[in-house]
Each structure stands twice: as C-alpha cells, then as structure tokens.
Amino acid sequence: MNPENMTFEASMQRLEQIVRTMERGDAPLEESLKLFQEGTELVRSCGKLLEEAELQVKKIMTAPDGSPVEEVFDHD
C-alpha cells in the first residue's frame, strides 16, 4: 500500500512491524533493503501528516481579529 494513502496510525503500525523485523536480523539483505526503503517512505509520510495537523491546529487557534494565537502546550 502507498504510504500516502495510509492513516497516520496505520503507517506507524507498519513502521513498528518493519523495525521489529529488521531488529531480529533474520531477513535477507534484499528484503532488508526493501523494508528500509518502505520504512523511510513511511517516516516521510508520517512527518508530512504531522506537519499538516500542526497547520490545522494553528489555523483553528486564531484571535478574534484573525491574528494567530500560539500557546505553549503543557502536557502535565
């Protein structure tokens, strides 16, 4: 499946599978290279999805006059 068409969660799940497979070290070299390439594409796709989400949040967070309101996120 094309990483561009996957959800963030599906991409992360597939990326975790790839990492586990590569960490075991039992995949042949050719398969490992394909997995590495797929993983790289998934990382790029996830990064793009995160950037888009950040832009949407910034768009939502605007002052009444339309100026951007940025607040520090405190996860505590």
PDB file of N, CA and C in Angstrom:
ATOM      1  N   MET A   1       0.840  -1.187   0.000  1.00  0.00           N
ATOM      2  CA  MET A   1       0.000   0.000   0.000  1.00  0.00           C
ATOM      3  C   MET A   1       0.880   1.243   0.000  1.00  0.00           C
ATOM      4  N   ASN A   2       0.444   2.244  -0.699  1.00  0.00           N
ATOM      5  CA  ASN A   2       1.166   3.513  -0.805  1.00  0.00           C
ATOM      6  C   ASN A   2       1.070   4.266   0.528  1.00  0.00           C
ATOM      7  N   PRO A   3       2.208   4.641   1.136  1.00  0.00           N
ATOM      8  CA  PRO A   3       2.168   5.360   2.415  1.00  0.00           C
ATOM      9  C   PRO A   3       1.342   6.637   2.364  1.00  0.00           C
ATOM     10  N   GLU A   4       1.255   7.255   1.193  1.00  0.00           N
ATOM     11  CA  GLU A   4       0.484   8.494   1.056  1.00  0.00           C
ATOM     12  C   GLU A   4      -1.004   8.259   1.307  1.00  0.00           C
ATOM     13  N   ASN A   5      -1.474   7.023   1.106  1.00  0.00           N
ATOM     14  CA  ASN A   5      -2.893   6.710   1.259  1.00  0.00           C
ATOM     15  C   ASN A   5      -3.221   6.091   2.616  1.00  0.00           C
ATOM     16  N   MET A   6      -2.219   5.942   3.468  1.00  0.00           N
ATOM     17  CA  MET A   6      -2.427   5.307   4.774  1.00  0.00           C
ATOM     18  C   MET A   6      -2.685   6.363   5.846  1.00  0.00           C
ATOM     19  N   THR A   7      -3.429   5.968   6.862  1.00  0.00           N
ATOM     20  CA  THR A   7      -3.611   6.859   8.001  1.00  0.00           C
ATOM     21  C   THR A   7      -2.312   6.914   8.791  1.00  0.00           C
ATOM     22  N   PHE A   8      -2.206   7.925   9.637  1.00  0.00           N
ATOM     23  CA  PHE A   8      -1.016   8.050  10.483  1.00  0.00           C
ATOM     24  C   PHE A   8      -0.847   6.800  11.348  1.00  0.00           C
ATOM     25  N   GLU A   9      -1.954   6.349  11.938  1.00  0.00           N
ATOM     26  CA  GLU A   9      -1.900   5.194  12.828  1.00  0.00           C
ATOM     27  C   GLU A   9      -1.490   3.922  12.090  1.00  0.00           C
ATOM     28  N   ALA A  10      -2.027   3.727  10.885  1.00  0.00           N
ATOM     29  CA  ALA A  10      -1.664   2.550  10.088  1.00  0.00           C
ATOM     30  C   ALA A  10      -0.194   2.616   9.674  1.00  0.00           C
ATOM     31  N   SER A  11       0.265   3.802   9.334  1.00  0.00           N
ATOM     32  CA  SER A  11       1.666   3.982   8.956  1.00  0.00           C
ATOM     33  C   SER A  11       2.591   3.669  10.130  1.00  0.00           C
ATOM     34  N   MET A  12       2.233   4.142  11.304  1.00  0.00           N
ATOM     35  CA  MET A  12       3.060   3.886  12.487  1.00  0.00           C
ATOM     36  C   MET A  12       3.071   2.399  12.834  1.00  0.00           C
ATOM     37  N   GLN A  13       1.928   1.750  12.699  1.00  0.00           N
ATOM     38  CA  GLN A  13       1.859   0.319  12.979  1.00  0.00           C
ATOM     39  C   GLN A  13       2.757  -0.461  12.011  1.00  0.00           C
ATOM     40  N   ARG A  14       2.696  -0.124  10.730  1.00  0.00           N
ATOM     41  CA  ARG A  14       3.537  -0.798   9.739  1.00  0.00           C
ATOM     42  C   ARG A  14       5.007  -0.510   9.998  1.00  0.00           C
ATOM     43  N   LEU A  15       5.316   0.723  10.371  1.00  0.00           N
ATOM     44  CA  LEU A  15       6.695   1.089  10.671  1.00  0.00           C
ATOM     45  C   LEU A  15       7.222   0.268  11.852  1.00  0.00           C
ATOM     46  N   GLU A  16       6.387   0.067  12.865  1.00  0.00           N
ATOM     47  CA  GLU A  16       6.792  -0.759  14.010  1.00  0.00           C
ATOM     48  C   GLU A  16       7.059  -2.196  13.586  1.00  0.00           C
ATOM     49  N   GLN A  17       6.242  -2.734  12.675  1.00  0.00           N
ATOM     50  CA  GLN A  17       6.466  -4.088  12.167  1.00  0.00           C
ATOM     51  C   GLN A  17       7.807  -4.171  11.440  1.00  0.00           C
ATOM     52  N   ILE A  18       8.087  -3.166  10.635  1.00  0.00           N
ATOM     53  CA  ILE A  18       9.348  -3.143   9.887  1.00  0.00           C
ATOM     54  C   ILE A  18      10.531  -3.107  10.842  1.00  0.00           C
ATOM     55  N   VAL A  19      10.446  -2.263  11.859  1.00  0.00           N
ATOM     56  CA  VAL A  19      11.544  -2.152  12.823  1.00  0.00           C
ATOM     57  C   VAL A  19      11.764  -3.476  13.537  1.00  0.00           C
ATOM     58  N   ARG A  20      10.683  -4.129  13.964  1.00  0.00           N
ATOM     59  CA  ARG A  20      10.823  -5.428  14.653  1.00  0.00           C
ATOM     60  C   ARG A  20      11.491  -6.458  13.736  1.00  0.00           C
ATOM     61  N   THR A  21      11.066  -6.494  12.480  1.00  0.00           N
ATOM     62  CA  THR A  21      11.642  -7.442  11.527  1.00  0.00           C
ATOM     63  C   THR A  21      13.127  -7.174  11.329  1.00  0.00           C
ATOM     64  N   MET A  22      13.482  -5.914  11.179  1.00  0.00           N
ATOM     65  CA  MET A  22      14.887  -5.580  10.949  1.00  0.00           C
ATOM     66  C   MET A  22      15.730  -5.795  12.202  1.00  0.00           C
ATOM     67  N   GLU A  23      15.166  -5.561  13.373  1.00  0.00           N
ATOM     68  CA  GLU A  23      15.911  -5.782  14.616  1.00  0.00           C
ATOM     69  C   GLU A  23      16.217  -7.260  14.836  1.00  0.00           C
ATOM     70  N   ARG A  24      15.311  -8.125  14.387  1.00  0.00           N
ATOM     71  CA  ARG A  24      15.572  -9.571  14.524  1.00  0.00           C
ATOM     72  C   ARG A  24      16.791  -9.970  13.706  1.00  0.00           C
ATOM     73  N   GLY A  25      16.991  -9.294  12.580  1.00  0.00           N
ATOM     74  CA  GLY A  25      18.176  -9.556  11.761  1.00  0.00           C
ATOM     75  C   GLY A  25      18.108 -10.825  10.940  1.00  0.00           C
ATOM     76  N   ASP A  26      16.930 -11.423  10.806  1.00  0.00           N
ATOM     77  CA  ASP A  26      16.849 -12.676  10.067  1.00  0.00           C
ATOM     78  C   ASP A  26      16.337 -12.520   8.634  1.00  0.00           C
ATOM     79  N   ALA A  27      16.095 -11.292   8.207  1.00  0.00           N
ATOM     80  CA  ALA A  27      15.642 -11.051   6.834  1.00  0.00           C
ATOM     81  C   ALA A  27      16.858 -11.012   5.910  1.00  0.00           C
ATOM     82  N   PRO A  28      16.717 -11.571   4.705  1.00  0.00           N
ATOM     83  CA  PRO A  28      17.821 -11.489   3.729  1.00  0.00           C
ATOM     84  C   PRO A  28      18.103 -10.031   3.370  1.00  0.00           C
ATOM     85  N   LEU A  29      19.287  -9.801   2.866  1.00  0.00           N
ATOM     86  CA  LEU A  29      19.724  -8.441   2.555  1.00  0.00           C
ATOM     87  C   LEU A  29      18.752  -7.725   1.629  1.00  0.00           C
ATOM     88  N   GLU A  30      18.323  -8.373   0.560  1.00  0.00           N
ATOM     89  CA  GLU A  30      17.428  -7.731  -0.400  1.00  0.00           C
ATOM     90  C   GLU A  30      16.112  -7.318   0.272  1.00  0.00           C
ATOM     91  N   GLU A  31      15.559  -8.199   1.094  1.00  0.00           N
ATOM     92  CA  GLU A  31      14.324  -7.869   1.808  1.00  0.00           C
ATOM     93  C   GLU A  31      14.557  -6.739   2.809  1.00  0.00           C
ATOM     94  N   SER A  32      15.699  -6.764   3.479  1.00  0.00           N
ATOM     95  CA  SER A  32      16.027  -5.705   4.436  1.00  0.00           C
ATOM     96  C   SER A  32      16.108  -4.343   3.748  1.00  0.00           C
ATOM     97  N   LEU A  33      16.686  -4.316   2.559  1.00  0.00           N
ATOM     98  CA  LEU A  33      16.770  -3.061   1.802  1.00  0.00           C
ATOM     99  C   LEU A  33      15.380  -2.561   1.414  1.00  0.00           C
ATOM    100  N   LYS A  34      14.505  -3.477   0.989  1.00  0.00           N
ATOM    101  CA  LYS A  34      13.138  -3.092   0.647  1.00  0.00           C
ATOM    102  C   LYS A  34      12.398  -2.574   1.872  1.00  0.00           C
ATOM    103  N   LEU A  35      12.589  -3.251   2.995  1.00  0.00           N
ATOM    104  CA  LEU A  35      11.952  -2.816   4.235  1.00  0.00           C
ATOM    105  C   LEU A  35      12.471  -1.447   4.667  1.00  0.00           C
ATOM    106  N   PHE A  36      13.771  -1.233   4.523  1.00  0.00           N
ATOM    107  CA  PHE A  36      14.361   0.053   4.874  1.00  0.00           C
ATOM    108  C   PHE A  36      13.770   1.159   4.009  1.00  0.00           C
ATOM    109  N   GLN A  37      13.639   0.892   2.716  1.00  0.00           N
ATOM    110  CA  GLN A  37      13.069   1.880   1.803  1.00  0.00           C
ATOM    111  C   GLN A  37      11.610   2.160   2.174  1.00  0.00           C
ATOM    112  N   GLU A  38      10.833   1.115   2.441  1.00  0.00           N
ATOM    113  CA  GLU A  38       9.439   1.305   2.837  1.00  0.00           C
ATOM    114  C   GLU A  38       9.354   2.103   4.137  1.00  0.00           C
ATOM    115  N   GLY A  39      10.215   1.773   5.085  1.00  0.00           N
ATOM    116  CA  GLY A  39      10.234   2.492   6.357  1.00  0.00           C
ATOM    117  C   GLY A  39      10.561   3.963   6.181  1.00  0.00           C
ATOM    118  N   THR A  40      11.508   4.251   5.303  1.00  0.00           N
ATOM    119  CA  THR A  40      11.878   5.642   5.024  1.00  0.00           C
ATOM    120  C   THR A  40      10.698   6.408   4.436  1.00  0.00           C
ATOM    121  N   GLU A  41       9.978   5.765   3.519  1.00  0.00           N
ATOM    122  CA  GLU A  41       8.797   6.399   2.933  1.00  0.00           C
ATOM    123  C   GLU A  41       7.715   6.628   3.986  1.00  0.00           C
ATOM    124  N   LEU A  42       7.551   5.679   4.886  1.00  0.00           N
ATOM    125  CA  LEU A  42       6.563   5.820   5.953  1.00  0.00           C
ATOM    126  C   LEU A  42       6.927   6.971   6.899  1.00  0.00           C
ATOM    127  N   VAL A  43       8.204   7.095   7.217  1.00  0.00           N
ATOM    128  CA  VAL A  43       8.652   8.193   8.086  1.00  0.00           C
ATOM    129  C   VAL A  43       8.355   9.534   7.427  1.00  0.00           C
ATOM    130  N   ARG A  44       8.651   9.649   6.141  1.00  0.00           N
ATOM    131  CA  ARG A  44       8.360  10.897   5.417  1.00  0.00           C
ATOM    132  C   ARG A  44       6.864  11.195   5.424  1.00  0.00           C
ATOM    133  N   SER A  45       6.069  10.163   5.169  1.00  0.00           N
ATOM    134  CA  SER A  45       4.619  10.328   5.130  1.00  0.00           C
ATOM    135  C   SER A  45       4.084  10.757   6.501  1.00  0.00           C
ATOM    136  N   CYS A  46       4.567  10.124   7.554  1.00  0.00           N
ATOM    137  CA  CYS A  46       4.131  10.481   8.911  1.00  0.00           C
ATOM    138  C   CYS A  46       4.537  11.919   9.241  1.00  0.00           C
ATOM    139  N   GLY A  47       5.726  12.310   8.853  1.00  0.00           N
ATOM    140  CA  GLY A  47       6.180  13.681   9.078  1.00  0.00           C
ATOM    141  C   GLY A  47       5.285  14.682   8.374  1.00  0.00           C
ATOM    142  N   LYS A  48       4.916  14.354   7.144  1.00  0.00           N
ATOM    143  CA  LYS A  48       4.031  15.234   6.382  1.00  0.00           C
ATOM    144  C   LYS A  48       2.660  15.337   7.051  1.00  0.00           C
ATOM    145  N   LEU A  49       2.121  14.204   7.507  1.00  0.00           N
ATOM    146  CA  LEU A  49       0.825  14.207   8.183  1.00  0.00           C
ATOM    147  C   LEU A  49       0.880  15.030   9.478  1.00  0.00           C
ATOM    148  N   LEU A  50       1.976  14.922  10.208  1.00  0.00           N
ATOM    149  CA  LEU A  50       2.126  15.698  11.443  1.00  0.00           C
ATOM    150  C   LEU A  50       2.218  17.196  11.151  1.00  0.00           C
ATOM    151  N   GLU A  51       2.935  17.560  10.098  1.00  0.00           N
ATOM    152  CA  GLU A  51       3.032  18.977   9.713  1.00  0.00           C
ATOM    153  C   GLU A  51       1.664  19.528   9.323  1.00  0.00           C
ATOM    154  N   GLU A  52       0.893  18.739   8.576  1.00  0.00           N
ATOM    155  CA  GLU A  52      -0.449  19.166   8.178  1.00  0.00           C
ATOM    156  C   GLU A  52      -1.357  19.332   9.400  1.00  0.00           C
ATOM    157  N   ALA A  53      -1.251  18.421  10.342  1.00  0.00           N
ATOM    158  CA  ALA A  53      -2.051  18.515  11.564  1.00  0.00           C
ATOM    159  C   ALA A  53      -1.680  19.763  12.353  1.00  0.00           C
ATOM    160  N   GLU A  54      -0.382  20.058  12.415  1.00  0.00           N
ATOM    161  CA  GLU A  54       0.077  21.255  13.126  1.00  0.00           C
ATOM    162  C   GLU A  54      -0.479  22.519  12.475  1.00  0.00           C
ATOM    163  N   LEU A  55      -0.483  22.548  11.154  1.00  0.00           N
ATOM    164  CA  LEU A  55      -1.035  23.712  10.443  1.00  0.00           C
ATOM    165  C   LEU A  55      -2.531  23.856  10.714  1.00  0.00           C
ATOM    166  N   GLN A  56      -3.246  22.760  10.774  1.00  0.00           N
ATOM    167  CA  GLN A  56      -4.680  22.819  11.062  1.00  0.00           C
ATOM    168  C   GLN A  56      -4.930  23.356  12.466  1.00  0.00           C
ATOM    169  N   VAL A  57      -4.121  22.917  13.430  1.00  0.00           N
ATOM    170  CA  VAL A  57      -4.273  23.392  14.804  1.00  0.00           C
ATOM    171  C   VAL A  57      -3.996  24.882  14.869  1.00  0.00           C
ATOM    172  N   LYS A  58      -2.945  25.329  14.176  1.00  0.00           N
ATOM    173  CA  LYS A  58      -2.629  26.759  14.167  1.00  0.00           C
ATOM    174  C   LYS A  58      -3.742  27.566  13.517  1.00  0.00           C
ATOM    175  N   LYS A  59      -4.357  27.007  12.474  1.00  0.00           N
ATOM    176  CA  LYS A  59      -5.448  27.689  11.795  1.00  0.00           C
ATOM    177  C   LYS A  59      -6.652  27.824  12.733  1.00  0.00           C
ATOM    178  N   ILE A  60      -6.904  26.803  13.511  1.00  0.00           N
ATOM    179  CA  ILE A  60      -8.030  26.808  14.450  1.00  0.00           C
ATOM    180  C   ILE A  60      -7.801  27.821  15.570  1.00  0.00           C
ATOM    181  N   MET A  61      -6.551  27.945  15.971  1.00  0.00           N
ATOM    182  CA  MET A  61      -6.218  28.814  17.098  1.00  0.00           C
ATOM    183  C   MET A  61      -5.921  30.232  16.602  1.00  0.00           C
ATOM    184  N   THR A  62      -6.964  30.986  16.315  1.00  0.00           N
ATOM    185  CA  THR A  62      -6.794  32.374  15.892  1.00  0.00           C
ATOM    186  C   THR A  62      -7.560  33.297  16.822  1.00  0.00           C
ATOM    187  N   ALA A  63      -7.057  34.499  16.986  1.00  0.00           N
ATOM    188  CA  ALA A  63      -7.697  35.511  17.821  1.00  0.00           C
ATOM    189  C   ALA A  63      -8.914  36.063  17.085  1.00  0.00           C
ATOM    190  N   PRO A  64      -9.814  36.740  17.795  1.00  0.00           N
ATOM    191  CA  PRO A  64     -10.992  37.315  17.147  1.00  0.00           C
ATOM    192  C   PRO A  64     -10.656  38.233  15.963  1.00  0.00           C
ATOM    193  N   ASP A  65      -9.501  38.894  16.018  1.00  0.00           N
ATOM    194  CA  ASP A  65      -9.123  39.780  14.911  1.00  0.00           C
ATOM    195  C   ASP A  65      -8.428  39.024  13.768  1.00  0.00           C
ATOM    196  N   GLY A  66      -8.339  37.705  13.899  1.00  0.00           N
ATOM    197  CA  GLY A  66      -7.724  36.888  12.854  1.00  0.00           C
ATOM    198  C   GLY A  66      -6.241  36.658  13.036  1.00  0.00           C
ATOM    199  N   SER A  67      -5.633  37.305  14.018  1.00  0.00           N
ATOM    200  CA  SER A  67      -4.202  37.097  14.244  1.00  0.00           C
ATOM    201  C   SER A  67      -3.989  35.747  14.940  1.00  0.00           C
ATOM    202  N   PRO A  68      -2.853  35.130  14.666  1.00  0.00           N
ATOM    203  CA  PRO A  68      -2.610  33.810  15.255  1.00  0.00           C
ATOM    204  C   PRO A  68      -2.382  33.888  16.760  1.00  0.00           C
ATOM    205  N   VAL A  69      -2.907  32.910  17.438  1.00  0.00           N
ATOM    206  CA  VAL A  69      -2.700  32.786  18.877  1.00  0.00           C
ATOM    207  C   VAL A  69      -1.941  31.484  19.097  1.00  0.00           C
ATOM    208  N   GLU A  70      -0.727  31.608  19.537  1.00  0.00           N
ATOM    209  CA  GLU A  70       0.062  30.419  19.824  1.00  0.00           C
ATOM    210  C   GLU A  70       0.272  30.344  21.320  1.00  0.00           C
ATOM    211  N   GLU A  71      -0.044  29.173  21.861  1.00  0.00           N
ATOM    212  CA  GLU A  71       0.124  28.950  23.285  1.00  0.00           C
ATOM    213  C   GLU A  71       1.084  27.801  23.490  1.00  0.00           C
ATOM    214  N   VAL A  72       1.802  27.848  24.576  1.00  0.00           N
ATOM    215  CA  VAL A  72       2.703  26.751  24.910  1.00  0.00           C
ATOM    216  C   VAL A  72       1.857  25.572  25.373  1.00  0.00           C
ATOM    217  N   PHE A  73       2.125  24.408  24.814  1.00  0.00           N
ATOM    218  CA  PHE A  73       1.396  23.213  25.189  1.00  0.00           C
ATOM    219  C   PHE A  73       2.026  22.630  26.436  1.00  0.00           C
ATOM    220  N   ASP A  74       1.234  22.526  27.487  1.00  0.00           N
ATOM    221  CA  ASP A  74       1.703  21.945  28.742  1.00  0.00           C
ATOM    222  C   ASP A  74       0.976  20.624  28.932  1.00  0.00           C
ATOM    223  N   HIS A  75       1.665  19.515  28.741  1.00  0.00           N
ATOM    224  CA  HIS A  75       1.021  18.208  28.792  1.00  0.00           C
ATOM    225  C   HIS A  75       0.842  17.678  30.197  1.00  0.00           C
ATOM    226  N   ASP A  76       1.247  18.411  31.208  1.00  0.00           N
ATOM    227  CA  ASP A  76       1.090  17.953  32.609  1.00  0.00           C
ATOM    228  C   ASP A  76      -0.301  18.130  33.100  1.00  0.00           C
TER     229      ASP A  76
END
